[in-house]
Amino acid sequence: MKVKLFDLEDEKDLEEAVNTFLKELDGEIWDIKYQVSSSMYGEEQVYCFSAMIIYH
């Protein structure tokens, strides 16, 4: 069993990275976890989009 982690600042970038990985994956997906977090940096709101793919 293996794990692949993605952590990007834009949801479209995360979508593209995950789709590229899945196209190239030569194995079986066990699970995909997705998470969004946000925080304030001064006056700016910062988002973090992450995904974890568990595969064999």
PDB file of N, CA and C in Angstrom:
ATOM      1  N   MET A   1       0.840  -1.165   0.000  1.00  0.00           N
ATOM      2  CA  MET A   1       0.000   0.000   0.000  1.00  0.00           C
ATOM      3  C   MET A   1       0.895   1.241   0.000  1.00  0.00           C
ATOM      4  N   LYS A   2       0.498   2.267  -0.756  1.00  0.00           N
ATOM      5  CA  LYS A   2       1.243   3.515  -0.849  1.00  0.00           C
ATOM      6  C   LYS A   2       0.298   4.692  -0.688  1.00  0.00           C
ATOM      7  N   VAL A   3       0.897   5.872  -0.434  1.00  0.00           N
ATOM      8  CA  VAL A   3       0.128   7.101  -0.267  1.00  0.00           C
ATOM      9  C   VAL A   3       0.760   8.181  -1.136  1.00  0.00           C
ATOM     10  N   LYS A   4      -0.081   8.959  -1.807  1.00  0.00           N
ATOM     11  CA  LYS A   4       0.369  10.118  -2.587  1.00  0.00           C
ATOM     12  C   LYS A   4      -0.357  11.336  -2.025  1.00  0.00           C
ATOM     13  N   LEU A   5       0.410  12.386  -1.686  1.00  0.00           N
ATOM     14  CA  LEU A   5      -0.157  13.598  -1.116  1.00  0.00           C
ATOM     15  C   LEU A   5      -0.049  14.754  -2.097  1.00  0.00           C
ATOM     16  N   PHE A   6      -1.078  15.578  -2.116  1.00  0.00           N
ATOM     17  CA  PHE A   6      -1.105  16.792  -2.933  1.00  0.00           C
ATOM     18  C   PHE A   6      -1.480  17.946  -2.007  1.00  0.00           C
ATOM     19  N   ASP A   7      -0.827  19.089  -2.162  1.00  0.00           N
ATOM     20  CA  ASP A   7      -1.111  20.263  -1.348  1.00  0.00           C
ATOM     21  C   ASP A   7      -0.896  21.502  -2.212  1.00  0.00           C
ATOM     22  N   LEU A   8      -1.994  22.124  -2.650  1.00  0.00           N
ATOM     23  CA  LEU A   8      -1.909  23.245  -3.577  1.00  0.00           C
ATOM     24  C   LEU A   8      -2.780  24.406  -3.112  1.00  0.00           C
ATOM     25  N   GLU A   9      -2.499  25.590  -3.625  1.00  0.00           N
ATOM     26  CA  GLU A   9      -3.221  26.792  -3.214  1.00  0.00           C
ATOM     27  C   GLU A   9      -4.462  27.078  -4.054  1.00  0.00           C
ATOM     28  N   ASP A  10      -4.644  26.342  -5.137  1.00  0.00           N
ATOM     29  CA  ASP A  10      -5.777  26.576  -6.029  1.00  0.00           C
ATOM     30  C   ASP A  10      -6.478  25.257  -6.315  1.00  0.00           C
ATOM     31  N   GLU A  11      -7.809  25.246  -6.234  1.00  0.00           N
ATOM     32  CA  GLU A  11      -8.561  24.002  -6.432  1.00  0.00           C
ATOM     33  C   GLU A  11      -8.416  23.448  -7.847  1.00  0.00           C
ATOM     34  N   LYS A  12      -8.271  24.303  -8.831  1.00  0.00           N
ATOM     35  CA  LYS A  12      -8.099  23.834 -10.210  1.00  0.00           C
ATOM     36  C   LYS A  12      -6.737  23.162 -10.392  1.00  0.00           C
ATOM     37  N   ASP A  13      -5.704  23.685  -9.721  1.00  0.00           N
ATOM     38  CA  ASP A  13      -4.382  23.055  -9.770  1.00  0.00           C
ATOM     39  C   ASP A  13      -4.412  21.682  -9.116  1.00  0.00           C
ATOM     40  N   LEU A  14      -5.143  21.574  -8.005  1.00  0.00           N
ATOM     41  CA  LEU A  14      -5.276  20.283  -7.333  1.00  0.00           C
ATOM     42  C   LEU A  14      -6.008  19.295  -8.228  1.00  0.00           C
ATOM     43  N   GLU A  15      -7.072  19.747  -8.845  1.00  0.00           N
ATOM     44  CA  GLU A  15      -7.844  18.888  -9.751  1.00  0.00           C
ATOM     45  C   GLU A  15      -6.958  18.359 -10.878  1.00  0.00           C
ATOM     46  N   GLU A  16      -6.186  19.230 -11.471  1.00  0.00           N
ATOM     47  CA  GLU A  16      -5.306  18.828 -12.564  1.00  0.00           C
ATOM     48  C   GLU A  16      -4.230  17.847 -12.095  1.00  0.00           C
ATOM     49  N   ALA A  17      -3.635  18.113 -10.944  1.00  0.00           N
ATOM     50  CA  ALA A  17      -2.588  17.231 -10.420  1.00  0.00           C
ATOM     51  C   ALA A  17      -3.131  15.848 -10.095  1.00  0.00           C
ATOM     52  N   VAL A  18      -4.302  15.793  -9.469  1.00  0.00           N
ATOM     53  CA  VAL A  18      -4.899  14.497  -9.114  1.00  0.00           C
ATOM     54  C   VAL A  18      -5.295  13.735 -10.378  1.00  0.00           C
ATOM     55  N   ASN A  19      -5.909  14.402 -11.339  1.00  0.00           N
ATOM     56  CA  ASN A  19      -6.301  13.734 -12.577  1.00  0.00           C
ATOM     57  C   ASN A  19      -5.097  13.193 -13.344  1.00  0.00           C
ATOM     58  N   THR A  20      -4.020  13.955 -13.381  1.00  0.00           N
ATOM     59  CA  THR A  20      -2.795  13.488 -14.042  1.00  0.00           C
ATOM     60  C   THR A  20      -2.256  12.255 -13.341  1.00  0.00           C
ATOM     61  N   PHE A  21      -2.217  12.288 -12.017  1.00  0.00           N
ATOM     62  CA  PHE A  21      -1.733  11.131 -11.262  1.00  0.00           C
ATOM     63  C   PHE A  21      -2.599   9.904 -11.523  1.00  0.00           C
ATOM     64  N   LEU A  22      -3.918  10.086 -11.517  1.00  0.00           N
ATOM     65  CA  LEU A  22      -4.824   8.952 -11.714  1.00  0.00           C
ATOM     66  C   LEU A  22      -4.693   8.347 -13.112  1.00  0.00           C
ATOM     67  N   LYS A  23      -4.454   9.188 -14.122  1.00  0.00           N
ATOM     68  CA  LYS A  23      -4.264   8.676 -15.485  1.00  0.00           C
ATOM     69  C   LYS A  23      -3.026   7.795 -15.586  1.00  0.00           C
ATOM     70  N   GLU A  24      -1.986   8.154 -14.821  1.00  0.00           N
ATOM     71  CA  GLU A  24      -0.711   7.443 -14.890  1.00  0.00           C
ATOM     72  C   GLU A  24      -0.615   6.300 -13.883  1.00  0.00           C
ATOM     73  N   LEU A  25      -1.589   6.192 -12.996  1.00  0.00           N
ATOM     74  CA  LEU A  25      -1.556   5.180 -11.938  1.00  0.00           C
ATOM     75  C   LEU A  25      -1.732   3.786 -12.522  1.00  0.00           C
ATOM     76  N   ASP A  26      -0.821   2.911 -12.153  1.00  0.00           N
ATOM     77  CA  ASP A  26      -0.920   1.505 -12.548  1.00  0.00           C
ATOM     78  C   ASP A  26      -1.139   0.689 -11.278  1.00  0.00           C
ATOM     79  N   GLY A  27      -2.320   0.841 -10.715  1.00  0.00           N
ATOM     80  CA  GLY A  27      -2.633   0.170  -9.466  1.00  0.00           C
ATOM     81  C   GLY A  27      -4.095   0.385  -9.124  1.00  0.00           C
ATOM     82  N   GLU A  28      -4.457  -0.040  -7.929  1.00  0.00           N
ATOM     83  CA  GLU A  28      -5.842   0.040  -7.472  1.00  0.00           C
ATOM     84  C   GLU A  28      -5.971   1.120  -6.405  1.00  0.00           C
ATOM     85  N   ILE A  29      -6.952   2.013  -6.577  1.00  0.00           N
ATOM     86  CA  ILE A  29      -7.205   3.059  -5.591  1.00  0.00           C
ATOM     87  C   ILE A  29      -8.002   2.468  -4.434  1.00  0.00           C
ATOM     88  N   TRP A  30      -7.530   2.713  -3.229  1.00  0.00           N
ATOM     89  CA  TRP A  30      -8.242   2.244  -2.037  1.00  0.00           C
ATOM     90  C   TRP A  30      -9.123   3.345  -1.475  1.00  0.00           C
ATOM     91  N   ASP A  31      -8.613   4.590  -1.500  1.00  0.00           N
ATOM     92  CA  ASP A  31      -9.383   5.684  -0.917  1.00  0.00           C
ATOM     93  C   ASP A  31      -8.789   7.016  -1.375  1.00  0.00           C
ATOM     94  N   ILE A  32      -9.618   8.046  -1.380  1.00  0.00           N
ATOM     95  CA  ILE A  32      -9.170   9.411  -1.648  1.00  0.00           C
ATOM     96  C   ILE A  32      -9.760  10.300  -0.562  1.00  0.00           C
ATOM     97  N   LYS A  33      -8.899  11.034   0.117  1.00  0.00           N
ATOM     98  CA  LYS A  33      -9.313  11.989   1.150  1.00  0.00           C
ATOM     99  C   LYS A  33      -9.071  13.388   0.607  1.00  0.00           C
ATOM    100  N   TYR A  34      -9.998  14.303   0.860  1.00  0.00           N
ATOM    101  CA  TYR A  34      -9.913  15.665   0.352  1.00  0.00           C
ATOM    102  C   TYR A  34     -10.143  16.627   1.508  1.00  0.00           C
ATOM    103  N   GLN A  35      -9.389  17.743   1.521  1.00  0.00           N
ATOM    104  CA  GLN A  35      -9.534  18.702   2.607  1.00  0.00           C
ATOM    105  C   GLN A  35      -9.279  20.117   2.112  1.00  0.00           C
ATOM    106  N   VAL A  36     -10.024  21.059   2.665  1.00  0.00           N
ATOM    107  CA  VAL A  36      -9.827  22.483   2.381  1.00  0.00           C
ATOM    108  C   VAL A  36      -9.634  23.191   3.710  1.00  0.00           C
ATOM    109  N   SER A  37      -8.630  24.051   3.779  1.00  0.00           N
ATOM    110  CA  SER A  37      -8.457  24.873   4.973  1.00  0.00           C
ATOM    111  C   SER A  37      -8.218  26.310   4.544  1.00  0.00           C
ATOM    112  N   SER A  38      -8.527  27.221   5.426  1.00  0.00           N
ATOM    113  CA  SER A  38      -8.312  28.635   5.129  1.00  0.00           C
ATOM    114  C   SER A  38      -7.782  29.330   6.367  1.00  0.00           C
ATOM    115  N   SER A  39      -7.042  30.398   6.142  1.00  0.00           N
ATOM    116  CA  SER A  39      -6.524  31.203   7.238  1.00  0.00           C
ATOM    117  C   SER A  39      -6.336  32.631   6.752  1.00  0.00           C
ATOM    118  N   MET A  40      -6.143  33.508   7.670  1.00  0.00           N
ATOM    119  CA  MET A  40      -5.907  34.911   7.338  1.00  0.00           C
ATOM    120  C   MET A  40      -4.415  35.203   7.430  1.00  0.00           C
ATOM    121  N   TYR A  41      -3.906  35.894   6.429  1.00  0.00           N
ATOM    122  CA  TYR A  41      -2.521  36.351   6.408  1.00  0.00           C
ATOM    123  C   TYR A  41      -2.576  37.855   6.186  1.00  0.00           C
ATOM    124  N   GLY A  42      -2.553  38.611   7.280  1.00  0.00           N
ATOM    125  CA  GLY A  42      -2.771  40.050   7.182  1.00  0.00           C
ATOM    126  C   GLY A  42      -4.210  40.308   6.778  1.00  0.00           C
ATOM    127  N   GLU A  43      -4.397  41.000   5.682  1.00  0.00           N
ATOM    128  CA  GLU A  43      -5.730  41.298   5.147  1.00  0.00           C
ATOM    129  C   GLU A  43      -6.206  40.240   4.151  1.00  0.00           C
ATOM    130  N   GLU A  44      -5.342  39.296   3.819  1.00  0.00           N
ATOM    131  CA  GLU A  44      -5.621  38.315   2.766  1.00  0.00           C
ATOM    132  C   GLU A  44      -6.051  36.975   3.346  1.00  0.00           C
ATOM    133  N   GLN A  45      -7.084  36.391   2.756  1.00  0.00           N
ATOM    134  CA  GLN A  45      -7.504  35.047   3.139  1.00  0.00           C
ATOM    135  C   GLN A  45      -6.787  34.047   2.241  1.00  0.00           C
ATOM    136  N   VAL A  46      -6.135  33.062   2.863  1.00  0.00           N
ATOM    137  CA  VAL A  46      -5.335  32.074   2.140  1.00  0.00           C
ATOM    138  C   VAL A  46      -6.030  30.716   2.243  1.00  0.00           C
ATOM    139  N   TYR A  47      -6.138  30.025   1.117  1.00  0.00           N
ATOM    140  CA  TYR A  47      -6.743  28.698   1.076  1.00  0.00           C
ATOM    141  C   TYR A  47      -5.680  27.649   0.795  1.00  0.00           C
ATOM    142  N   CYS A  48      -5.902  26.473   1.303  1.00  0.00           N
ATOM    143  CA  CYS A  48      -5.042  25.327   1.027  1.00  0.00           C
ATOM    144  C   CYS A  48      -5.952  24.152   0.664  1.00  0.00           C
ATOM    145  N   PHE A  49      -5.744  23.601  -0.516  1.00  0.00           N
ATOM    146  CA  PHE A  49      -6.529  22.459  -0.999  1.00  0.00           C
ATOM    147  C   PHE A  49      -5.605  21.252  -1.017  1.00  0.00           C
ATOM    148  N   SER A  50      -6.004  20.182  -0.349  1.00  0.00           N
ATOM    149  CA  SER A  50      -5.139  19.012  -0.292  1.00  0.00           C
ATOM    150  C   SER A  50      -5.929  17.734  -0.540  1.00  0.00           C
ATOM    151  N   ALA A  51      -5.211  16.737  -1.000  1.00  0.00           N
ATOM    152  CA  ALA A  51      -5.802  15.419  -1.246  1.00  0.00           C
ATOM    153  C   ALA A  51      -4.767  14.353  -0.911  1.00  0.00           C
ATOM    154  N   MET A  52      -5.262  13.247  -0.411  1.00  0.00           N
ATOM    155  CA  MET A  52      -4.414  12.084  -0.143  1.00  0.00           C
ATOM    156  C   MET A  52      -5.042  10.898  -0.860  1.00  0.00           C
ATOM    157  N   ILE A  53      -4.241  10.251  -1.700  1.00  0.00           N
ATOM    158  CA  ILE A  53      -4.716   9.077  -2.431  1.00  0.00           C
ATOM    159  C   ILE A  53      -4.000   7.868  -1.854  1.00  0.00           C
ATOM    160  N   ILE A  54      -4.773   6.903  -1.396  1.00  0.00           N
ATOM    161  CA  ILE A  54      -4.236   5.647  -0.876  1.00  0.00           C
ATOM    162  C   ILE A  54      -4.455   4.603  -1.957  1.00  0.00           C
ATOM    163  N   TYR A  55      -3.363   3.974  -2.375  1.00  0.00           N
ATOM    164  CA  TYR A  55      -3.457   3.016  -3.481  1.00  0.00           C
ATOM    165  C   TYR A  55      -2.543   1.827  -3.256  1.00  0.00           C
ATOM    166  N   HIS A  56      -2.754   0.811  -4.045  1.00  0.00           N
ATOM    167  CA  HIS A  56      -1.950  -0.402  -3.960  1.00  0.00           C
ATOM    168  C   HIS A  56      -1.359  -0.682  -5.315  1.00  0.00           C
TER     169      HIS A  56
END
